[in-house]
C-alpha atoms as a PDB file:
ATOM      1  CA  MET A   1       0.000   0.000   0.000  1.00  0.00           C
ATOM      2  CA  GLN A   2       2.834   2.374   0.931  1.00  0.00           C
ATOM      3  CA  LYS A   3       4.551   1.660  -2.402  1.00  0.00           C
ATOM      4  CA  LYS A   4       1.282   2.349  -4.216  1.00  0.00           C
ATOM      5  CA  LEU A   5       0.852   5.670  -2.397  1.00  0.00           C
ATOM      6  CA  LEU A   6       4.440   6.640  -3.158  1.00  0.00           C
ATOM      7  CA  LEU A   7       3.951   5.747  -6.818  1.00  0.00           C
ATOM      8  CA  THR A   8       0.709   7.720  -6.993  1.00  0.00           C
ATOM      9  CA  GLY A   9       2.360  10.705  -5.347  1.00  0.00           C
ATOM     10  CA  ALA A  10       5.318  10.550  -7.713  1.00  0.00           C
ATOM     11  CA  LEU A  11       3.013  10.323 -10.714  1.00  0.00           C
ATOM     12  CA  SER A  12       1.025  13.314  -9.482  1.00  0.00           C
ATOM     13  CA  LEU A  13       4.206  15.335  -8.998  1.00  0.00           C
ATOM     14  CA  ALA A  14       5.388  14.363 -12.477  1.00  0.00           C
ATOM     15  CA  ILE A  15       2.106  15.475 -14.060  1.00  0.00           C
ATOM     16  CA  THR A  16       2.230  18.763 -12.129  1.00  0.00           C
ATOM     17  CA  ALA A  17       5.828  19.301 -13.196  1.00  0.00           C
ATOM     18  CA  MET A  18       4.998  18.560 -16.827  1.00  0.00           C
ATOM     19  CA  SER A  19       2.067  20.983 -16.627  1.00  0.00           C
ATOM     20  CA  GLY A  20       4.315  23.661 -15.196  1.00  0.00           C
ATOM     21  CA  GLN A  21       6.906  23.038 -17.916  1.00  0.00           C
ATOM     22  CA  ALA A  22       4.218  23.363 -20.620  1.00  0.00           C
ATOM     23  CA  ALA A  23       3.127  26.694 -19.193  1.00  0.00           C
ATOM     24  CA  ALA A  24       6.712  27.870 -18.763  1.00  0.00           C
ATOM     25  CA  ALA A  25       7.524  26.813 -22.318  1.00  0.00           C
ATOM     26  CA  CYS A  26       4.941  29.291 -23.593  1.00  0.00           C
ATOM     27  CA  GLY A  27       6.965  32.095 -21.994  1.00  0.00           C
ATOM     28  CA  LYS A  28       6.685  35.701 -23.166  1.00  0.00           C
ATOM     29  CA  VAL A  29       4.284  36.267 -26.067  1.00  0.00           C
ATOM     30  CA  THR A  30       3.830  39.553 -27.903  1.00  0.00           C
ATOM     31  CA  ILE A  31       0.508  40.085 -29.687  1.00  0.00           C
ATOM     32  CA  ALA A  32      -0.100  42.769 -32.322  1.00  0.00           C
ATOM     33  CA  ASP A  33      -2.945  45.064 -31.310  1.00  0.00           C
ATOM     34  CA  MET A  34      -4.057  46.502 -34.653  1.00  0.00           C
ATOM     35  CA  ASN A  35      -5.775  49.885 -34.804  1.00  0.00           C
ATOM     36  CA  TRP A  36      -9.324  48.839 -35.767  1.00  0.00           C
ATOM     37  CA  ASN A  37     -12.061  47.461 -33.531  1.00  0.00           C
ATOM     38  CA  SER A  38     -12.373  43.828 -34.645  1.00  0.00           C
ATOM     39  CA  ALA A  39      -8.597  43.382 -34.470  1.00  0.00           C
ATOM     40  CA  THR A  40      -8.220  44.948 -31.024  1.00  0.00           C
ATOM     41  CA  LEU A  41     -11.098  42.815 -29.709  1.00  0.00           C
ATOM     42  CA  ILE A  42      -9.486  39.594 -30.983  1.00  0.00           C
ATOM     43  CA  ALA A  43      -6.056  40.650 -29.691  1.00  0.00           C
ATOM     44  CA  ASN A  44      -7.459  41.238 -26.199  1.00  0.00           C
ATOM     45  CA  VAL A  45      -9.329  37.912 -26.242  1.00  0.00           C
ATOM     46  CA  ASP A  46      -6.118  36.126 -27.247  1.00  0.00           C
ATOM     47  CA  ARG A  47      -4.083  37.895 -24.564  1.00  0.00           C
ATOM     48  CA  PHE A  48      -6.528  36.928 -21.812  1.00  0.00           C
ATOM     49  CA  ILE A  49      -6.891  33.288 -22.905  1.00  0.00           C
ATOM     50  CA  LEU A  50      -3.156  32.773 -23.520  1.00  0.00           C
ATOM     51  CA  GLU A  51      -2.280  34.343 -20.179  1.00  0.00           C
ATOM     52  CA  HIS A  52      -4.888  32.706 -17.960  1.00  0.00           C
ATOM     53  CA  GLY A  53      -5.543  29.492 -19.903  1.00  0.00           C
ATOM     54  CA  TYR A  54      -2.056  28.592 -21.095  1.00  0.00           C
ATOM     55  CA  GLY A  55       0.209  30.361 -18.590  1.00  0.00           C
ATOM     56  CA  CYS A  56       1.803  32.624 -21.192  1.00  0.00           C
ATOM     57  CA  ASP A  57       3.330  35.975 -20.255  1.00  0.00           C
ATOM     58  CA  ALA A  58       1.183  37.697 -22.888  1.00  0.00           C
ATOM     59  CA  GLU A  59       1.597  41.348 -23.847  1.00  0.00           C
ATOM     60  CA  LEU A  60      -0.128  43.546 -26.429  1.00  0.00           C
ATOM     61  CA  VAL A  61       2.045  45.699 -28.688  1.00  0.00           C
ATOM     62  CA  ALA A  62       0.842  48.345 -31.144  1.00  0.00           C
ATOM     63  CA  GLY A  63       0.571  47.060 -34.708  1.00  0.00           C
ATOM     64  CA  ASP A  64      -0.605  47.747 -38.243  1.00  0.00           C
ATOM     65  CA  THR A  65      -0.742  45.491 -41.277  1.00  0.00           C
ATOM     66  CA  GLN A  66       2.377  46.353 -43.303  1.00  0.00           C
ATOM     67  CA  PRO A  67       4.826  47.183 -40.453  1.00  0.00           C
ATOM     68  CA  THR A  68       3.700  44.204 -38.354  1.00  0.00           C
ATOM     69  CA  GLY A  69       4.032  41.775 -41.253  1.00  0.00           C
ATOM     70  CA  ALA A  70       7.488  43.092 -42.166  1.00  0.00           C
ATOM     71  CA  SER A  71       8.666  42.963 -38.549  1.00  0.00           C
ATOM     72  CA  MET A  72       7.462  39.383 -38.065  1.00  0.00           C
ATOM     73  CA  ILE A  73       9.316  38.276 -41.190  1.00  0.00           C
ATOM     74  CA  GLU A  74      12.532  40.221 -40.602  1.00  0.00           C
ATOM     75  CA  LYS A  75      12.815  40.355 -36.784  1.00  0.00           C
ATOM     76  CA  GLY A  76      10.589  37.527 -35.567  1.00  0.00           C
ATOM     77  CA  GLU A  77       8.397  39.872 -33.553  1.00  0.00           C
ATOM     78  CA  PRO A  78       5.664  40.241 -32.520  1.00  0.00           C
ATOM     79  CA  ASP A  79       4.847  36.564 -32.030  1.00  0.00           C
ATOM     80  CA  VAL A  80       1.196  36.784 -33.070  1.00  0.00           C
ATOM     81  CA  ALA A  81      -0.869  38.945 -35.441  1.00  0.00           C
ATOM     82  CA  PRO A  82      -4.459  37.917 -34.587  1.00  0.00           C
ATOM     83  CA  GLU A  83      -6.284  39.578 -37.514  1.00  0.00           C
ATOM     84  CA  PHE A  84      -4.160  39.870 -40.626  1.00  0.00           C
ATOM     85  CA  TRP A  85      -5.737  40.676 -44.000  1.00  0.00           C
ATOM     86  CA  SER A  86      -3.241  38.472 -45.754  1.00  0.00           C
ATOM     87  CA  ASN A  87      -3.951  39.392 -49.390  1.00  0.00           C
ATOM     88  CA  SER A  88      -2.297  42.755 -48.686  1.00  0.00           C
ATOM     89  CA  MET A  89       1.106  41.021 -48.249  1.00  0.00           C
ATOM     90  CA  LYS A  90       0.382  37.664 -49.875  1.00  0.00           C
ATOM     91  CA  ASP A  91       3.751  37.087 -51.577  1.00  0.00           C
ATOM     92  CA  ALA A  92       5.846  38.262 -48.617  1.00  0.00           C
ATOM     93  CA  LEU A  93       3.870  36.136 -46.145  1.00  0.00           C
ATOM     94  CA  GLU A  94       4.106  33.040 -48.311  1.00  0.00           C
ATOM     95  CA  LYS A  95       7.861  33.537 -48.616  1.00  0.00           C
ATOM     96  CA  GLY A  96       8.029  33.920 -44.823  1.00  0.00           C
ATOM     97  CA  VAL A  97       6.275  30.555 -44.459  1.00  0.00           C
ATOM     98  CA  ALA A  98       8.581  28.925 -47.034  1.00  0.00           C
ATOM     99  CA  ASP A  99      11.625  30.310 -45.177  1.00  0.00           C
ATOM    100  CA  LYS A 100      10.317  28.830 -41.865  1.00  0.00           C
ATOM    101  CA  ARG A 101       9.840  32.256 -40.309  1.00  0.00           C
ATOM    102  CA  LEU A 102       6.016  32.357 -40.195  1.00  0.00           C
ATOM    103  CA  ARG A 103       2.962  30.125 -39.933  1.00  0.00           C
ATOM    104  CA  PHE A 104      -0.657  30.673 -40.923  1.00  0.00           C
ATOM    105  CA  ALA A 105      -2.404  29.538 -37.748  1.00  0.00           C
ATOM    106  CA  GLY A 106      -5.957  29.709 -39.081  1.00  0.00           C
ATOM    107  CA  LYS A 107      -8.726  32.078 -40.125  1.00  0.00           C
ATOM    108  CA  SER A 108      -9.521  34.732 -37.531  1.00  0.00           C
ATOM    109  CA  LEU A 109     -12.647  35.626 -39.529  1.00  0.00           C
ATOM    110  CA  ALA A 110     -14.172  32.329 -40.616  1.00  0.00           C
ATOM    111  CA  ASP A 111     -16.138  33.953 -43.461  1.00  0.00           C
ATOM    112  CA  GLY A 112     -13.245  36.177 -44.527  1.00  0.00           C
ATOM    113  CA  GLY A 113     -13.696  39.866 -45.231  1.00  0.00           C
ATOM    114  CA  GLU A 114     -17.026  40.248 -47.020  1.00  0.00           C
ATOM    115  CA  GLU A 115     -17.969  42.813 -49.684  1.00  0.00           C
ATOM    116  CA  GLY A 116     -21.050  43.219 -51.799  1.00  0.00           C
ATOM    117  CA  PHE A 117     -24.060  45.260 -52.862  1.00  0.00           C
ATOM    118  CA  TRP A 118     -26.726  45.323 -50.150  1.00  0.00           C
ATOM    119  CA  VAL A 119     -30.381  46.187 -49.575  1.00  0.00           C
ATOM    120  CA  PRO A 120     -32.248  46.434 -46.248  1.00  0.00           C
ATOM    121  CA  LYS A 121     -33.805  43.178 -45.025  1.00  0.00           C
ATOM    122  CA  TYR A 122     -37.254  44.789 -44.757  1.00  0.00           C
ATOM    123  CA  LEU A 123     -37.306  45.145 -48.560  1.00  0.00           C
ATOM    124  CA  VAL A 124     -36.558  41.451 -49.027  1.00  0.00           C
ATOM    125  CA  ASP A 125     -39.166  40.507 -46.400  1.00  0.00           C
ATOM    126  CA  LYS A 126     -41.800  42.290 -48.511  1.00  0.00           C
ATOM    127  CA  ASP A 127     -40.454  41.048 -51.878  1.00  0.00           C
ATOM    128  CA  PRO A 128     -37.916  38.174 -51.924  1.00  0.00           C
ATOM    129  CA  SER A 129     -36.888  39.081 -55.490  1.00  0.00           C
ATOM    130  CA  MET A 130     -35.118  42.135 -54.012  1.00  0.00           C
ATOM    131  CA  ALA A 131     -32.359  39.768 -52.880  1.00  0.00           C
ATOM    132  CA  THR A 132     -31.341  39.402 -56.545  1.00  0.00           C
ATOM    133  CA  ILE A 133     -29.845  41.955 -58.923  1.00  0.00           C
ATOM    134  CA  GLU A 134     -32.667  41.348 -61.399  1.00  0.00           C
ATOM    135  CA  GLY A 135     -35.232  42.126 -58.696  1.00  0.00           C
ATOM    136  CA  VAL A 136     -33.403  45.331 -57.775  1.00  0.00           C
ATOM    137  CA  LYS A 137     -33.236  46.441 -61.424  1.00  0.00           C
ATOM    138  CA  ALA A 138     -36.936  45.680 -61.937  1.00  0.00           C
ATOM    139  CA  ASN A 139     -37.762  47.916 -58.953  1.00  0.00           C
ATOM    140  CA  ALA A 140     -35.233  50.655 -59.698  1.00  0.00           C
ATOM    141  CA  LYS A 141     -37.813  53.436 -59.285  1.00  0.00           C
ATOM    142  CA  MET A 142     -38.032  52.616 -55.564  1.00  0.00           C
ATOM    143  CA  PHE A 143     -34.482  53.852 -54.917  1.00  0.00           C
ATOM    144  CA  GLU A 144     -34.944  57.608 -54.962  1.00  0.00           C
ATOM    145  CA  HIS A 145     -32.063  59.768 -56.118  1.00  0.00           C
ATOM    146  CA  PRO A 146     -31.273  62.588 -53.649  1.00  0.00           C
ATOM    147  CA  GLU A 147     -30.930  65.173 -56.438  1.00  0.00           C
ATOM    148  CA  ASP A 148     -32.495  63.870 -59.658  1.00  0.00           C
ATOM    149  CA  PRO A 149     -36.075  62.531 -59.500  1.00  0.00           C
ATOM    150  CA  ASP A 150     -35.632  60.883 -62.903  1.00  0.00           C
ATOM    151  CA  MET A 151     -32.746  58.689 -61.706  1.00  0.00           C
ATOM    152  CA  SER A 152     -32.339  55.902 -59.137  1.00  0.00           C
ATOM    153  CA  ALA A 153     -29.622  55.914 -56.477  1.00  0.00           C
ATOM    154  CA  PHE A 154     -26.760  53.439 -56.105  1.00  0.00           C
ATOM    155  CA  TYR A 155     -24.440  54.346 -53.211  1.00  0.00           C
ATOM    156  CA  SER A 156     -20.840  53.518 -54.052  1.00  0.00           C
ATOM    157  CA  CYS A 157     -17.523  53.844 -52.215  1.00  0.00           C
ATOM    158  CA  PRO A 158     -16.089  57.291 -51.494  1.00  0.00           C
ATOM    159  CA  ALA A 159     -13.694  58.657 -54.123  1.00  0.00           C
ATOM    160  CA  GLY A 160     -10.146  57.382 -53.643  1.00  0.00           C
ATOM    161  CA  TRP A 161     -11.102  54.072 -52.019  1.00  0.00           C
ATOM    162  CA  ASN A 162     -10.091  50.913 -53.902  1.00  0.00           C
ATOM    163  CA  CYS A 163     -13.663  49.623 -53.734  1.00  0.00           C
ATOM    164  CA  GLN A 164     -14.781  52.590 -55.820  1.00  0.00           C
ATOM    165  CA  ILE A 165     -13.023  50.924 -58.766  1.00  0.00           C
ATOM    166  CA  SER A 166     -14.554  47.472 -58.252  1.00  0.00           C
ATOM    167  CA  SER A 167     -18.062  48.733 -57.536  1.00  0.00           C
ATOM    168  CA  GLY A 168     -17.915  51.013 -60.603  1.00  0.00           C
ATOM    169  CA  HIS A 169     -16.923  48.132 -62.895  1.00  0.00           C
ATOM    170  CA  LEU A 170     -19.638  45.870 -61.473  1.00  0.00           C
ATOM    171  CA  PHE A 171     -22.202  48.686 -61.832  1.00  0.00           C
ATOM    172  CA  LYS A 172     -21.336  48.775 -65.550  1.00  0.00           C
ATOM    173  CA  ALA A 173     -21.113  44.975 -65.946  1.00  0.00           C
ATOM    174  CA  MET A 174     -24.661  44.477 -64.651  1.00  0.00           C
ATOM    175  CA  GLY A 175     -26.150  47.311 -66.694  1.00  0.00           C
ATOM    176  CA  LEU A 176     -27.336  49.288 -63.685  1.00  0.00           C
ATOM    177  CA  ASP A 177     -27.005  52.520 -65.661  1.00  0.00           C
ATOM    178  CA  LYS A 178     -29.397  51.135 -68.286  1.00  0.00           C
ATOM    179  CA  ALA A 179     -31.862  50.303 -65.500  1.00  0.00           C
ATOM    180  CA  GLY A 180     -31.859  53.984 -64.511  1.00  0.00           C
ATOM    181  CA  PHE A 181     -29.340  53.958 -61.665  1.00  0.00           C
ATOM    182  CA  ASP A 182     -26.808  56.720 -61.040  1.00  0.00           C
ATOM    183  CA  ILE A 183     -23.687  56.302 -58.874  1.00  0.00           C
ATOM    184  CA  ILE A 184     -23.796  58.394 -55.693  1.00  0.00           C
ATOM    185  CA  ASP A 185     -20.454  59.250 -54.072  1.00  0.00           C
ATOM    186  CA  PRO A 186     -21.199  59.445 -50.314  1.00  0.00           C
ATOM    187  CA  GLY A 187     -18.081  61.561 -49.734  1.00  0.00           C
ATOM    188  CA  SER A 188     -16.718  59.489 -46.858  1.00  0.00           C
ATOM    189  CA  GLY A 189     -17.111  56.226 -44.958  1.00  0.00           C
ATOM    190  CA  ALA A 190     -19.242  58.077 -42.423  1.00  0.00           C
ATOM    191  CA  GLY A 191     -21.391  59.411 -45.255  1.00  0.00           C
ATOM    192  CA  LEU A 192     -21.955  55.888 -46.571  1.00  0.00           C
ATOM    193  CA  SER A 193     -22.868  54.415 -43.169  1.00  0.00           C
ATOM    194  CA  GLY A 194     -25.027  57.462 -42.462  1.00  0.00           C
ATOM    195  CA  ALA A 195     -27.006  56.853 -45.650  1.00  0.00           C
ATOM    196  CA  ILE A 196     -27.813  53.311 -44.483  1.00  0.00           C
ATOM    197  CA  ALA A 197     -28.769  54.535 -41.001  1.00  0.00           C
ATOM    198  CA  ARG A 198     -31.103  57.211 -42.389  1.00  0.00           C
ATOM    199  CA  ALA A 199     -32.817  54.761 -44.738  1.00  0.00           C
ATOM    200  CA  TYR A 200     -33.291  52.261 -41.919  1.00  0.00           C
ATOM    201  CA  GLU A 201     -34.734  54.815 -39.512  1.00  0.00           C
ATOM    202  CA  ARG A 202     -37.280  55.828 -42.149  1.00  0.00           C
ATOM    203  CA  GLN A 203     -37.769  52.266 -43.484  1.00  0.00           C
ATOM    204  CA  GLU A 204     -36.939  53.533 -46.971  1.00  0.00           C
ATOM    205  CA  PRO A 205     -35.361  51.634 -49.887  1.00  0.00           C
ATOM    206  CA  TRP A 206     -31.537  51.746 -50.094  1.00  0.00           C
ATOM    207  CA  PHE A 207     -29.104  50.054 -52.487  1.00  0.00           C
ATOM    208  CA  GLY A 208     -25.327  50.238 -52.473  1.00  0.00           C
ATOM    209  CA  TYR A 209     -21.905  48.872 -51.609  1.00  0.00           C
ATOM    210  CA  TYR A 210     -20.839  47.877 -48.091  1.00  0.00           C
ATOM    211  CA  TRP A 211     -18.566  45.400 -46.338  1.00  0.00           C
ATOM    212  CA  ALA A 212     -18.295  43.176 -43.255  1.00  0.00           C
ATOM    213  CA  PRO A 213     -17.462  42.840 -40.475  1.00  0.00           C
ATOM    214  CA  THR A 214     -18.702  46.288 -39.479  1.00  0.00           C
ATOM    215  CA  ALA A 215     -20.782  47.852 -36.713  1.00  0.00           C
ATOM    216  CA  VAL A 216     -23.241  49.121 -39.327  1.00  0.00           C
ATOM    217  CA  LEU A 217     -24.190  45.597 -40.414  1.00  0.00           C
ATOM    218  CA  GLY A 218     -24.448  44.661 -36.736  1.00  0.00           C
ATOM    219  CA  LYS A 219     -27.005  47.414 -36.136  1.00  0.00           C
ATOM    220  CA  TYR A 220     -28.966  47.238 -39.381  1.00  0.00           C
ATOM    221  CA  GLU A 221     -30.029  43.956 -40.949  1.00  0.00           C
ATOM    222  CA  MET A 222     -28.980  44.037 -44.583  1.00  0.00           C
ATOM    223  CA  VAL A 223     -29.150  41.378 -47.311  1.00  0.00           C
ATOM    224  CA  LYS A 224     -26.326  40.885 -49.783  1.00  0.00           C
ATOM    225  CA  VAL A 225     -27.717  41.003 -53.312  1.00  0.00           C
ATOM    226  CA  ASP A 226     -27.083  37.895 -55.412  1.00  0.00           C
ATOM    227  CA  PHE A 227     -25.679  38.798 -58.842  1.00  0.00           C
ATOM    228  CA  GLY A 228     -26.549  35.335 -60.207  1.00  0.00           C
ATOM    229  CA  SER A 229     -22.962  35.032 -61.374  1.00  0.00           C
ATOM    230  CA  GLY A 230     -21.079  33.079 -58.742  1.00  0.00           C
ATOM    231  CA  VAL A 231     -17.497  34.130 -58.007  1.00  0.00           C
ATOM    232  CA  ASP A 232     -14.937  34.504 -60.801  1.00  0.00           C
ATOM    233  CA  ASP A 233     -11.702  34.968 -58.839  1.00  0.00           C
ATOM    234  CA  GLU A 234      -9.446  35.460 -61.833  1.00  0.00           C
ATOM    235  CA  HIS A 235     -11.646  38.035 -63.542  1.00  0.00           C
ATOM    236  CA  PHE A 236     -12.140  39.867 -60.259  1.00  0.00           C
ATOM    237  CA  LYS A 237      -8.391  40.118 -59.604  1.00  0.00           C
ATOM    238  CA  ASN A 238      -7.303  40.784 -63.167  1.00  0.00           C
ATOM    239  CA  CYS A 239     -10.049  43.153 -64.306  1.00  0.00           C
ATOM    240  CA  ILE A 240     -12.639  44.238 -61.720  1.00  0.00           C
ATOM    241  CA  THR A 241     -10.018  45.524 -59.249  1.00  0.00           C
ATOM    242  CA  LYS A 242      -7.952  47.246 -61.946  1.00  0.00           C
ATOM    243  CA  GLU A 243      -8.525  50.835 -62.988  1.00  0.00           C
ATOM    244  CA  GLU A 244      -8.487  49.769 -66.645  1.00  0.00           C
ATOM    245  CA  CYS A 245     -11.047  47.002 -67.234  1.00  0.00           C
ATOM    246  CA  ALA A 246     -12.359  47.195 -70.776  1.00  0.00           C
ATOM    247  CA  GLU A 247     -14.967  44.430 -70.562  1.00  0.00           C
ATOM    248  CA  PRO A 248     -16.081  43.901 -66.946  1.00  0.00           C
ATOM    249  CA  ARG A 249     -18.266  40.869 -66.273  1.00  0.00           C
ATOM    250  CA  ALA A 250     -20.540  40.285 -63.305  1.00  0.00           C
ATOM    251  CA  THR A 251     -18.972  38.391 -60.409  1.00  0.00           C
ATOM    252  CA  MET A 252     -19.718  38.286 -56.719  1.00  0.00           C
ATOM    253  CA  TYR A 253     -16.925  39.672 -54.545  1.00  0.00           C
ATOM    254  CA  PRO A 254     -14.626  36.847 -53.426  1.00  0.00           C
ATOM    255  CA  PRO A 255     -14.073  36.799 -49.659  1.00  0.00           C
ATOM    256  CA  SER A 256     -10.831  38.424 -48.487  1.00  0.00           C
ATOM    257  CA  ALA A 257      -8.609  36.030 -46.542  1.00  0.00           C
ATOM    258  CA  VAL A 258      -8.212  37.127 -42.904  1.00  0.00           C
ATOM    259  CA  HIS A 259      -5.733  34.976 -41.002  1.00  0.00           C
ATOM    260  CA  THR A 260      -4.001  34.690 -37.677  1.00  0.00           C
ATOM    261  CA  ILE A 261      -0.257  34.741 -38.369  1.00  0.00           C
ATOM    262  CA  THR A 262       2.387  33.572 -35.896  1.00  0.00           C
ATOM    263  CA  THR A 263       6.143  33.313 -35.982  1.00  0.00           C
ATOM    264  CA  GLU A 264       7.575  29.835 -36.470  1.00  0.00           C
ATOM    265  CA  ALA A 265       9.499  30.226 -33.206  1.00  0.00           C
ATOM    266  CA  PHE A 266       6.297  30.785 -31.205  1.00  0.00           C
ATOM    267  CA  ALA A 267       4.439  27.919 -32.907  1.00  0.00           C
ATOM    268  CA  SER A 268       7.336  25.560 -32.139  1.00  0.00           C
ATOM    269  CA  LYS A 269       7.830  26.529 -28.489  1.00  0.00           C
ATOM    270  CA  ALA A 270       4.120  26.730 -27.539  1.00  0.00           C
ATOM    271  CA  PRO A 271       2.212  24.101 -29.569  1.00  0.00           C
ATOM    272  CA  GLN A 272      -0.843  24.085 -27.273  1.00  0.00           C
ATOM    273  CA  ALA A 273      -1.215  27.861 -27.469  1.00  0.00           C
ATOM    274  CA  TYR A 274      -0.698  27.652 -31.243  1.00  0.00           C
ATOM    275  CA  ASP A 275      -3.470  25.037 -31.465  1.00  0.00           C
ATOM    276  CA  TYR A 276      -5.841  27.465 -29.740  1.00  0.00           C
ATOM    277  CA  LEU A 277      -4.986  30.179 -32.282  1.00  0.00           C
ATOM    278  CA  SER A 278      -5.565  27.672 -35.084  1.00  0.00           C
ATOM    279  CA  THR A 279      -9.059  26.907 -33.758  1.00  0.00           C
ATOM    280  CA  ARG A 280     -10.238  30.365 -32.698  1.00  0.00           C
ATOM    281  CA  ALA A 281     -12.416  32.014 -35.381  1.00  0.00           C
ATOM    282  CA  PHE A 282     -15.276  34.518 -35.447  1.00  0.00           C
ATOM    283  CA  LYS A 283     -18.221  34.446 -37.867  1.00  0.00           C
ATOM    284  CA  ASN A 284     -18.990  37.784 -39.518  1.00  0.00           C
ATOM    285  CA  ASP A 285     -22.569  38.001 -38.234  1.00  0.00           C
ATOM    286  CA  GLN A 286     -21.280  37.606 -34.678  1.00  0.00           C
ATOM    287  CA  MET A 287     -18.434  40.076 -35.194  1.00  0.00           C
ATOM    288  CA  ASN A 288     -20.861  42.608 -36.715  1.00  0.00           C
ATOM    289  CA  LYS A 289     -22.937  42.490 -33.516  1.00  0.00           C
ATOM    290  CA  LEU A 290     -19.851  42.732 -31.287  1.00  0.00           C
ATOM    291  CA  LEU A 291     -18.646  45.780 -33.229  1.00  0.00           C
ATOM    292  CA  ALA A 292     -22.081  47.369 -32.882  1.00  0.00           C
ATOM    293  CA  TRP A 293     -21.914  46.722 -29.105  1.00  0.00           C
ATOM    294  CA  MET A 294     -18.456  48.322 -28.973  1.00  0.00           C
ATOM    295  CA  GLU A 295     -19.691  51.397 -30.828  1.00  0.00           C
ATOM    296  CA  ASP A 296     -22.861  51.769 -28.740  1.00  0.00           C
ATOM    297  CA  ASN A 297     -20.915  51.398 -25.484  1.00  0.00           C
ATOM    298  CA  GLN A 298     -17.813  53.313 -26.600  1.00  0.00           C
ATOM    299  CA  ALA A 299     -15.878  50.221 -25.521  1.00  0.00           C
ATOM    300  CA  ASP A 300     -12.184  49.622 -26.095  1.00  0.00           C
ATOM    301  CA  GLY A 301     -10.721  46.199 -26.867  1.00  0.00           C
ATOM    302  CA  GLU A 302     -10.280  45.222 -23.217  1.00  0.00           C
ATOM    303  CA  LEU A 303     -13.873  46.003 -22.238  1.00  0.00           C
ATOM    304  CA  ALA A 304     -15.166  44.277 -25.379  1.00  0.00           C
ATOM    305  CA  MET A 305     -13.062  41.210 -24.530  1.00  0.00           C
ATOM    306  CA  GLU A 306     -14.625  41.004 -21.055  1.00  0.00           C
ATOM    307  CA  HIS A 307     -18.109  41.372 -22.589  1.00  0.00           C
ATOM    308  CA  PHE A 308     -17.450  38.656 -25.168  1.00  0.00           C
ATOM    309  CA  LEU A 309     -15.884  36.111 -22.798  1.00  0.00           C
ATOM    310  CA  THR A 310     -18.583  36.689 -20.171  1.00  0.00           C
ATOM    311  CA  GLU A 311     -21.672  36.885 -22.374  1.00  0.00           C
ATOM    312  CA  HIS A 312     -20.714  34.516 -25.197  1.00  0.00           C
ATOM    313  CA  GLU A 313     -19.301  31.529 -23.344  1.00  0.00           C
ATOM    314  CA  ALA A 314     -20.839  29.072 -25.812  1.00  0.00           C
ATOM    315  CA  SER A 315     -18.805  30.687 -28.608  1.00  0.00           C
ATOM    316  CA  TRP A 316     -15.308  30.512 -27.117  1.00  0.00           C
ATOM    317  CA  THR A 317     -15.320  27.398 -24.900  1.00  0.00           C
ATOM    318  CA  PRO A 318     -15.186  25.021 -27.930  1.00  0.00           C
ATOM    319  CA  TRP A 319     -11.884  26.679 -28.903  1.00  0.00           C
ATOM    320  CA  VAL A 320     -10.130  25.320 -25.793  1.00  0.00           C
ATOM    321  CA  SER A 321     -10.024  22.243 -23.556  1.00  0.00           C
ATOM    322  CA  PRO A 322     -12.350  22.027 -20.521  1.00  0.00           C
ATOM    323  CA  GLU A 323      -9.310  22.535 -18.264  1.00  0.00           C
ATOM    324  CA  VAL A 324      -8.287  25.730 -20.059  1.00  0.00           C
ATOM    325  CA  ALA A 325     -11.897  26.957 -20.101  1.00  0.00           C
ATOM    326  CA  ALA A 326     -12.112  26.470 -16.320  1.00  0.00           C
ATOM    327  CA  LYS A 327      -8.962  28.567 -15.799  1.00  0.00           C
ATOM    328  CA  VAL A 328     -10.258  31.347 -18.038  1.00  0.00           C
ATOM    329  CA  LYS A 329     -13.644  31.397 -16.289  1.00  0.00           C
ATOM    330  CA  LYS A 330     -11.923  31.595 -12.896  1.00  0.00           C
ATOM    331  CA  ALA A 331      -9.848  34.558 -14.087  1.00  0.00           C
ATOM    332  CA  LEU A 332     -12.991  36.253 -15.438  1.00  0.00           C
ATOM    333  CA  ALA A 333     -14.715  35.831 -12.080  1.00  0.00           C
ATOM    334  CA  ASN A 334     -11.802  37.670 -10.444  1.00  0.00           C
ATOM    335  CA  LEU A 335     -11.996  40.741 -12.717  1.00  0.00           C
END
């Protein structure tokens, strides 16, 4: 019996020691805190879970897409970029992976960045055909132009934005001008979101370009219009996004890849923490609502993290083991 007790005690000590070593192996982790709301929310969630669930010494550092990507490739820091719109540095990132400097951990936004032409859901509820481009064109007269009563309004991107090019080509490709539509430049991002808000408050028709995840789509239920074309990646990249596109064809916007990037060194030294980052992903409809909550409550990333982990337990607990979840919940209770 004494031998059995000694053996059990030794085994327990060994497991505790191994657990401590796993936590210690995670060590110091730097996480890029990008300067937009979805990214700062995810960065704060990762910091809290890595620190309290995996025993990492996690720290947020200021970041932005190009400088963070370059620094991770050239200097090996920061360790983690939670929300990286990878198409913006596609070739450099892929070379970083090939050179064993970086890893793509997973998709931080499961749906990717989403673009499209949208109408309010209340229009589709009344007439399901409004969810299609043919239905919109057939009801063009509904979309009142703010200045010309003989024209219909299509709200595009502000001048100078890249999406002004793509939306303009797609406007032409689908013959919206022939259906009586005129392109409205909203002047700014705030002007575009304000146009949606005004239409929603008055329950009026609205048709135009927008993207997700955004607070606007978290506050106002919008339906992405189906062009009936599917996605033509090659044509989109080689023509629709280019200033010169002689013969644009209709294509839905392909989703933009949004990844979590880590350094190879971090992934190698902290495999359990890396596995969490590979699993953790937000759906756009959920992120839209979280961004709307942040805007309504003037919340920073830390406050939004506490709200998400406390109020949306069913979303994040599948990303981690029950043991890690218990540690995170205990830490939340002590805030």
